[in-house]
């Protein structure tokens, strides 16, 4: 999404509205789930959580991750990344310790 491009270019504040719009458009284009909740691509929600975390909105990041986890089955390839991101939010000291020596280059 354009929002993810903004984030990757170092502009998380500019990215968030585009990511939120992408989630809304995705929800509009997908049928609601049986439980009545919106059906959004979990990757978009992961991106929203990443940006919100960087902007200091841990609660908003957790909300996006929790919503995404409700959408994906146990076997979904994104599930491990969602769980890892949620664990990092819940235990920032542990995540910081394991992140030492890693690179954020892509």
N, C-alpha and C. Protein backbone atom coordinates (compact mmCIF):
# COMPACT_ATOMS: atom_id res chain seq x y z
N UNK A 1 0.84 -1.19 0.00
CA UNK A 1 0.00 0.00 0.00
C UNK A 1 0.88 1.25 0.00
N UNK A 2 0.29 2.35 -0.38
CA UNK A 2 1.01 3.62 -0.35
C UNK A 2 1.45 3.94 1.07
N UNK A 3 0.62 3.61 2.04
CA UNK A 3 0.98 3.85 3.43
C UNK A 3 2.25 3.12 3.82
N UNK A 4 2.42 1.90 3.38
CA UNK A 4 3.61 1.13 3.72
C UNK A 4 4.84 1.74 3.05
N UNK A 5 4.66 2.28 1.86
CA UNK A 5 5.76 2.95 1.17
C UNK A 5 6.19 4.17 1.99
N UNK A 6 5.23 4.97 2.45
CA UNK A 6 5.57 6.11 3.30
C UNK A 6 6.32 5.66 4.55
N UNK A 7 5.85 4.60 5.17
CA UNK A 7 6.52 4.10 6.37
C UNK A 7 7.96 3.69 6.06
N UNK A 8 8.14 2.92 5.02
CA UNK A 8 9.48 2.43 4.66
C UNK A 8 10.42 3.57 4.28
N UNK A 9 9.85 4.68 3.83
CA UNK A 9 10.65 5.86 3.49
C UNK A 9 10.90 6.74 4.70
N UNK A 10 10.43 6.31 5.89
CA UNK A 10 10.70 7.05 7.11
C UNK A 10 9.66 8.06 7.52
N UNK A 11 8.43 7.93 7.01
CA UNK A 11 7.36 8.88 7.33
C UNK A 11 6.15 8.17 7.93
N UNK A 12 6.29 7.63 9.16
CA UNK A 12 5.17 6.88 9.73
C UNK A 12 3.91 7.73 9.94
N UNK A 13 4.07 9.00 10.28
CA UNK A 13 2.90 9.85 10.50
C UNK A 13 2.11 10.02 9.21
N UNK A 14 2.80 10.14 8.08
CA UNK A 14 2.13 10.25 6.79
C UNK A 14 1.53 8.91 6.37
N UNK A 15 2.12 7.82 6.82
CA UNK A 15 1.69 6.48 6.42
C UNK A 15 0.35 6.07 7.03
N UNK A 16 0.14 6.44 8.28
CA UNK A 16 -1.01 5.91 9.02
C UNK A 16 -2.36 6.16 8.35
N UNK A 17 -2.67 7.36 7.90
CA UNK A 17 -3.99 7.55 7.26
C UNK A 17 -4.19 6.68 6.03
N UNK A 18 -3.13 6.47 5.26
CA UNK A 18 -3.25 5.63 4.07
C UNK A 18 -3.47 4.16 4.44
N UNK A 19 -2.80 3.71 5.48
CA UNK A 19 -2.98 2.32 5.93
C UNK A 19 -4.39 2.13 6.49
N UNK A 20 -4.87 3.08 7.26
CA UNK A 20 -6.23 2.97 7.81
C UNK A 20 -7.27 3.00 6.70
N UNK A 21 -7.03 3.83 5.68
CA UNK A 21 -7.94 3.86 4.53
C UNK A 21 -7.91 2.52 3.79
N UNK A 22 -6.73 1.95 3.64
CA UNK A 22 -6.62 0.65 2.97
C UNK A 22 -7.40 -0.42 3.73
N UNK A 23 -7.34 -0.38 5.06
CA UNK A 23 -8.08 -1.35 5.87
C UNK A 23 -9.58 -1.17 5.69
N UNK A 24 -10.03 0.08 5.67
CA UNK A 24 -11.47 0.35 5.48
C UNK A 24 -11.94 -0.10 4.09
N UNK A 25 -11.15 0.20 3.08
CA UNK A 25 -11.53 -0.22 1.72
C UNK A 25 -11.52 -1.74 1.60
N UNK A 26 -10.55 -2.39 2.21
CA UNK A 26 -10.50 -3.84 2.18
C UNK A 26 -11.72 -4.44 2.87
N UNK A 27 -12.10 -3.85 4.00
CA UNK A 27 -13.27 -4.34 4.73
C UNK A 27 -14.55 -4.16 3.91
N UNK A 28 -14.64 -3.03 3.19
CA UNK A 28 -15.82 -2.78 2.35
C UNK A 28 -15.93 -3.80 1.23
N UNK A 29 -14.78 -4.21 0.71
CA UNK A 29 -14.76 -5.11 -0.44
C UNK A 29 -14.82 -6.59 -0.07
N UNK A 30 -14.79 -6.89 1.21
CA UNK A 30 -14.87 -8.28 1.67
C UNK A 30 -16.14 -8.44 2.50
N UNK A 31 -16.79 -9.58 2.39
CA UNK A 31 -17.98 -9.80 3.21
C UNK A 31 -17.60 -9.84 4.69
N UNK A 32 -18.54 -9.41 5.53
CA UNK A 32 -18.30 -9.48 6.98
C UNK A 32 -18.17 -10.94 7.39
N UNK A 33 -17.47 -11.15 8.48
CA UNK A 33 -17.32 -12.49 9.02
C UNK A 33 -18.62 -12.95 9.65
N UNK A 34 -18.70 -14.21 9.95
CA UNK A 34 -19.90 -14.78 10.56
C UNK A 34 -20.23 -14.10 11.89
N UNK A 35 -19.21 -13.63 12.61
CA UNK A 35 -19.44 -12.97 13.89
C UNK A 35 -19.78 -11.48 13.73
N UNK A 36 -19.88 -11.01 12.47
CA UNK A 36 -20.27 -9.63 12.21
C UNK A 36 -19.13 -8.64 12.18
N UNK A 37 -17.93 -9.09 12.49
CA UNK A 37 -16.77 -8.19 12.48
C UNK A 37 -16.24 -8.01 11.06
N UNK A 38 -15.51 -6.92 10.86
CA UNK A 38 -14.97 -6.65 9.53
C UNK A 38 -13.92 -7.68 9.15
N UNK A 39 -13.78 -7.88 7.86
CA UNK A 39 -12.84 -8.85 7.32
C UNK A 39 -11.77 -8.08 6.56
N UNK A 40 -10.58 -7.96 7.17
CA UNK A 40 -9.50 -7.15 6.61
C UNK A 40 -8.26 -8.02 6.44
N UNK A 41 -7.51 -7.75 5.39
CA UNK A 41 -6.26 -8.45 5.16
C UNK A 41 -5.36 -8.28 6.40
N UNK A 42 -4.94 -9.37 7.01
CA UNK A 42 -4.12 -9.26 8.22
C UNK A 42 -2.78 -8.55 8.01
N UNK A 43 -2.25 -8.58 6.80
CA UNK A 43 -1.00 -7.85 6.51
C UNK A 43 -1.20 -6.35 6.69
N UNK A 44 -2.35 -5.84 6.26
CA UNK A 44 -2.63 -4.41 6.43
C UNK A 44 -2.69 -4.08 7.91
N UNK A 45 -3.33 -4.94 8.69
CA UNK A 45 -3.43 -4.70 10.13
C UNK A 45 -2.05 -4.79 10.80
N UNK A 46 -1.20 -5.69 10.33
CA UNK A 46 0.16 -5.77 10.85
C UNK A 46 0.92 -4.48 10.55
N UNK A 47 0.74 -3.95 9.35
CA UNK A 47 1.39 -2.69 9.00
C UNK A 47 0.88 -1.54 9.86
N UNK A 48 -0.43 -1.50 10.10
CA UNK A 48 -0.99 -0.48 10.98
C UNK A 48 -0.38 -0.59 12.37
N UNK A 49 -0.29 -1.80 12.88
CA UNK A 49 0.29 -2.01 14.21
C UNK A 49 1.74 -1.55 14.26
N UNK A 50 2.49 -1.86 13.23
CA UNK A 50 3.91 -1.46 13.17
C UNK A 50 4.05 0.05 13.23
N UNK A 51 3.22 0.74 12.45
CA UNK A 51 3.28 2.21 12.41
C UNK A 51 2.82 2.80 13.74
N UNK A 52 1.72 2.28 14.28
CA UNK A 52 1.22 2.81 15.55
C UNK A 52 2.24 2.61 16.66
N UNK A 53 2.91 1.47 16.66
CA UNK A 53 3.94 1.24 17.66
C UNK A 53 5.05 2.28 17.54
N UNK A 54 5.49 2.53 16.33
CA UNK A 54 6.55 3.51 16.12
C UNK A 54 6.12 4.91 16.54
N UNK A 55 4.84 5.21 16.39
CA UNK A 55 4.32 6.52 16.77
C UNK A 55 4.00 6.61 18.26
N UNK A 56 4.26 5.52 19.01
CA UNK A 56 4.05 5.54 20.45
C UNK A 56 2.66 5.13 20.90
N UNK A 57 1.86 4.59 19.99
CA UNK A 57 0.50 4.16 20.32
C UNK A 57 0.47 2.64 20.49
N UNK A 58 1.01 2.18 21.63
CA UNK A 58 1.08 0.73 21.88
C UNK A 58 -0.32 0.12 21.97
N UNK A 59 -1.26 0.83 22.57
CA UNK A 59 -2.63 0.30 22.70
C UNK A 59 -3.26 0.12 21.32
N UNK A 60 -3.08 1.10 20.45
CA UNK A 60 -3.61 0.99 19.09
C UNK A 60 -2.95 -0.14 18.31
N UNK A 61 -1.66 -0.32 18.53
CA UNK A 61 -0.93 -1.40 17.87
C UNK A 61 -1.47 -2.76 18.33
N UNK A 62 -1.69 -2.90 19.64
CA UNK A 62 -2.23 -4.15 20.18
C UNK A 62 -3.62 -4.43 19.64
N UNK A 63 -4.44 -3.39 19.51
CA UNK A 63 -5.79 -3.56 18.96
C UNK A 63 -5.72 -4.10 17.54
N UNK A 64 -4.85 -3.53 16.71
CA UNK A 64 -4.72 -3.98 15.32
C UNK A 64 -4.21 -5.42 15.26
N UNK A 65 -3.24 -5.75 16.10
CA UNK A 65 -2.71 -7.11 16.11
C UNK A 65 -3.74 -8.12 16.59
N UNK A 66 -4.49 -7.75 17.60
CA UNK A 66 -5.53 -8.65 18.12
C UNK A 66 -6.60 -8.90 17.06
N UNK A 67 -7.00 -7.84 16.36
CA UNK A 67 -7.97 -8.00 15.27
C UNK A 67 -7.42 -8.93 14.19
N UNK A 68 -6.17 -8.73 13.83
CA UNK A 68 -5.56 -9.56 12.79
C UNK A 68 -5.49 -11.02 13.22
N UNK A 69 -5.13 -11.26 14.48
CA UNK A 69 -5.03 -12.64 14.96
C UNK A 69 -6.39 -13.34 14.95
N UNK A 70 -7.47 -12.59 15.12
CA UNK A 70 -8.80 -13.18 15.07
C UNK A 70 -9.18 -13.57 13.64
N UNK A 71 -8.49 -13.02 12.67
CA UNK A 71 -8.81 -13.28 11.26
C UNK A 71 -8.06 -14.47 10.67
N UNK A 72 -6.91 -14.81 11.25
CA UNK A 72 -6.06 -15.83 10.62
C UNK A 72 -6.12 -17.16 11.37
N UNK A 73 -6.20 -18.24 10.61
CA UNK A 73 -6.16 -19.55 11.25
C UNK A 73 -4.76 -19.88 11.75
N UNK A 74 -4.66 -20.91 12.56
CA UNK A 74 -3.38 -21.34 13.12
C UNK A 74 -2.32 -21.57 12.04
N UNK A 75 -2.73 -22.06 10.88
CA UNK A 75 -1.77 -22.42 9.83
C UNK A 75 -1.39 -21.25 8.93
N UNK A 76 -1.97 -20.08 9.12
CA UNK A 76 -1.71 -18.94 8.24
C UNK A 76 -0.26 -18.48 8.41
N UNK A 77 0.46 -18.23 7.31
CA UNK A 77 1.88 -17.86 7.41
C UNK A 77 2.13 -16.54 8.14
N UNK A 78 1.17 -15.65 8.18
CA UNK A 78 1.35 -14.37 8.85
C UNK A 78 1.19 -14.48 10.36
N UNK A 79 0.57 -15.55 10.82
CA UNK A 79 0.25 -15.69 12.25
C UNK A 79 1.49 -15.58 13.15
N UNK A 80 2.58 -16.20 12.77
CA UNK A 80 3.79 -16.15 13.59
C UNK A 80 4.31 -14.72 13.72
N UNK A 81 4.25 -13.97 12.64
CA UNK A 81 4.69 -12.57 12.69
C UNK A 81 3.78 -11.73 13.57
N UNK A 82 2.48 -12.00 13.51
CA UNK A 82 1.53 -11.28 14.36
C UNK A 82 1.79 -11.58 15.84
N UNK A 83 1.98 -12.86 16.14
CA UNK A 83 2.24 -13.26 17.53
C UNK A 83 3.56 -12.66 18.03
N UNK A 84 4.56 -12.64 17.19
CA UNK A 84 5.85 -12.07 17.56
C UNK A 84 5.72 -10.57 17.84
N UNK A 85 5.00 -9.86 17.00
CA UNK A 85 4.80 -8.43 17.19
C UNK A 85 4.03 -8.15 18.47
N UNK A 86 3.02 -8.97 18.76
CA UNK A 86 2.24 -8.80 19.99
C UNK A 86 3.10 -9.09 21.21
N UNK A 87 3.93 -10.12 21.14
CA UNK A 87 4.84 -10.46 22.24
C UNK A 87 5.81 -9.30 22.49
N UNK A 88 6.30 -8.71 21.43
CA UNK A 88 7.23 -7.58 21.55
C UNK A 88 6.56 -6.40 22.25
N UNK A 89 5.28 -6.16 21.94
CA UNK A 89 4.55 -5.08 22.60
C UNK A 89 4.30 -5.39 24.07
N UNK A 90 4.01 -6.64 24.35
CA UNK A 90 3.70 -7.04 25.73
C UNK A 90 4.95 -7.13 26.60
N UNK A 91 6.10 -7.40 26.01
CA UNK A 91 7.36 -7.55 26.74
C UNK A 91 8.47 -6.77 26.06
N UNK A 92 8.42 -5.44 26.08
CA UNK A 92 9.41 -4.66 25.34
C UNK A 92 10.85 -4.89 25.80
N UNK A 93 11.08 -5.15 27.07
CA UNK A 93 12.46 -5.37 27.55
C UNK A 93 13.02 -6.65 26.95
N UNK A 94 12.22 -7.69 26.89
CA UNK A 94 12.66 -8.96 26.31
C UNK A 94 12.94 -8.80 24.83
N UNK A 95 12.04 -8.10 24.13
CA UNK A 95 12.21 -7.92 22.69
C UNK A 95 13.45 -7.09 22.40
N UNK A 96 13.72 -6.08 23.21
CA UNK A 96 14.90 -5.25 22.99
C UNK A 96 16.16 -6.08 23.17
N UNK A 97 16.15 -6.97 24.13
CA UNK A 97 17.31 -7.82 24.37
C UNK A 97 17.56 -8.79 23.24
N UNK A 98 16.51 -9.32 22.64
CA UNK A 98 16.68 -10.28 21.55
C UNK A 98 16.97 -9.56 20.24
N UNK A 99 16.66 -8.27 20.17
CA UNK A 99 16.89 -7.54 18.92
C UNK A 99 18.31 -7.01 18.81
N UNK A 100 19.06 -7.08 19.88
CA UNK A 100 20.43 -6.57 19.82
C UNK A 100 21.22 -7.34 18.77
N UNK A 101 21.97 -6.57 18.01
CA UNK A 101 22.80 -7.21 16.99
C UNK A 101 22.07 -7.55 15.72
N UNK A 102 20.79 -7.20 15.64
CA UNK A 102 20.05 -7.48 14.41
C UNK A 102 20.02 -6.22 13.57
N UNK A 103 19.74 -6.39 12.31
CA UNK A 103 19.69 -5.27 11.39
C UNK A 103 18.28 -5.11 10.87
N UNK A 104 17.87 -3.87 10.60
CA UNK A 104 16.56 -3.58 10.06
C UNK A 104 16.64 -3.33 8.56
N UNK A 105 17.74 -3.72 7.94
CA UNK A 105 17.91 -3.51 6.52
C UNK A 105 17.09 -4.51 5.73
N UNK A 106 16.58 -4.05 4.59
CA UNK A 106 15.82 -4.93 3.70
C UNK A 106 16.34 -4.86 2.30
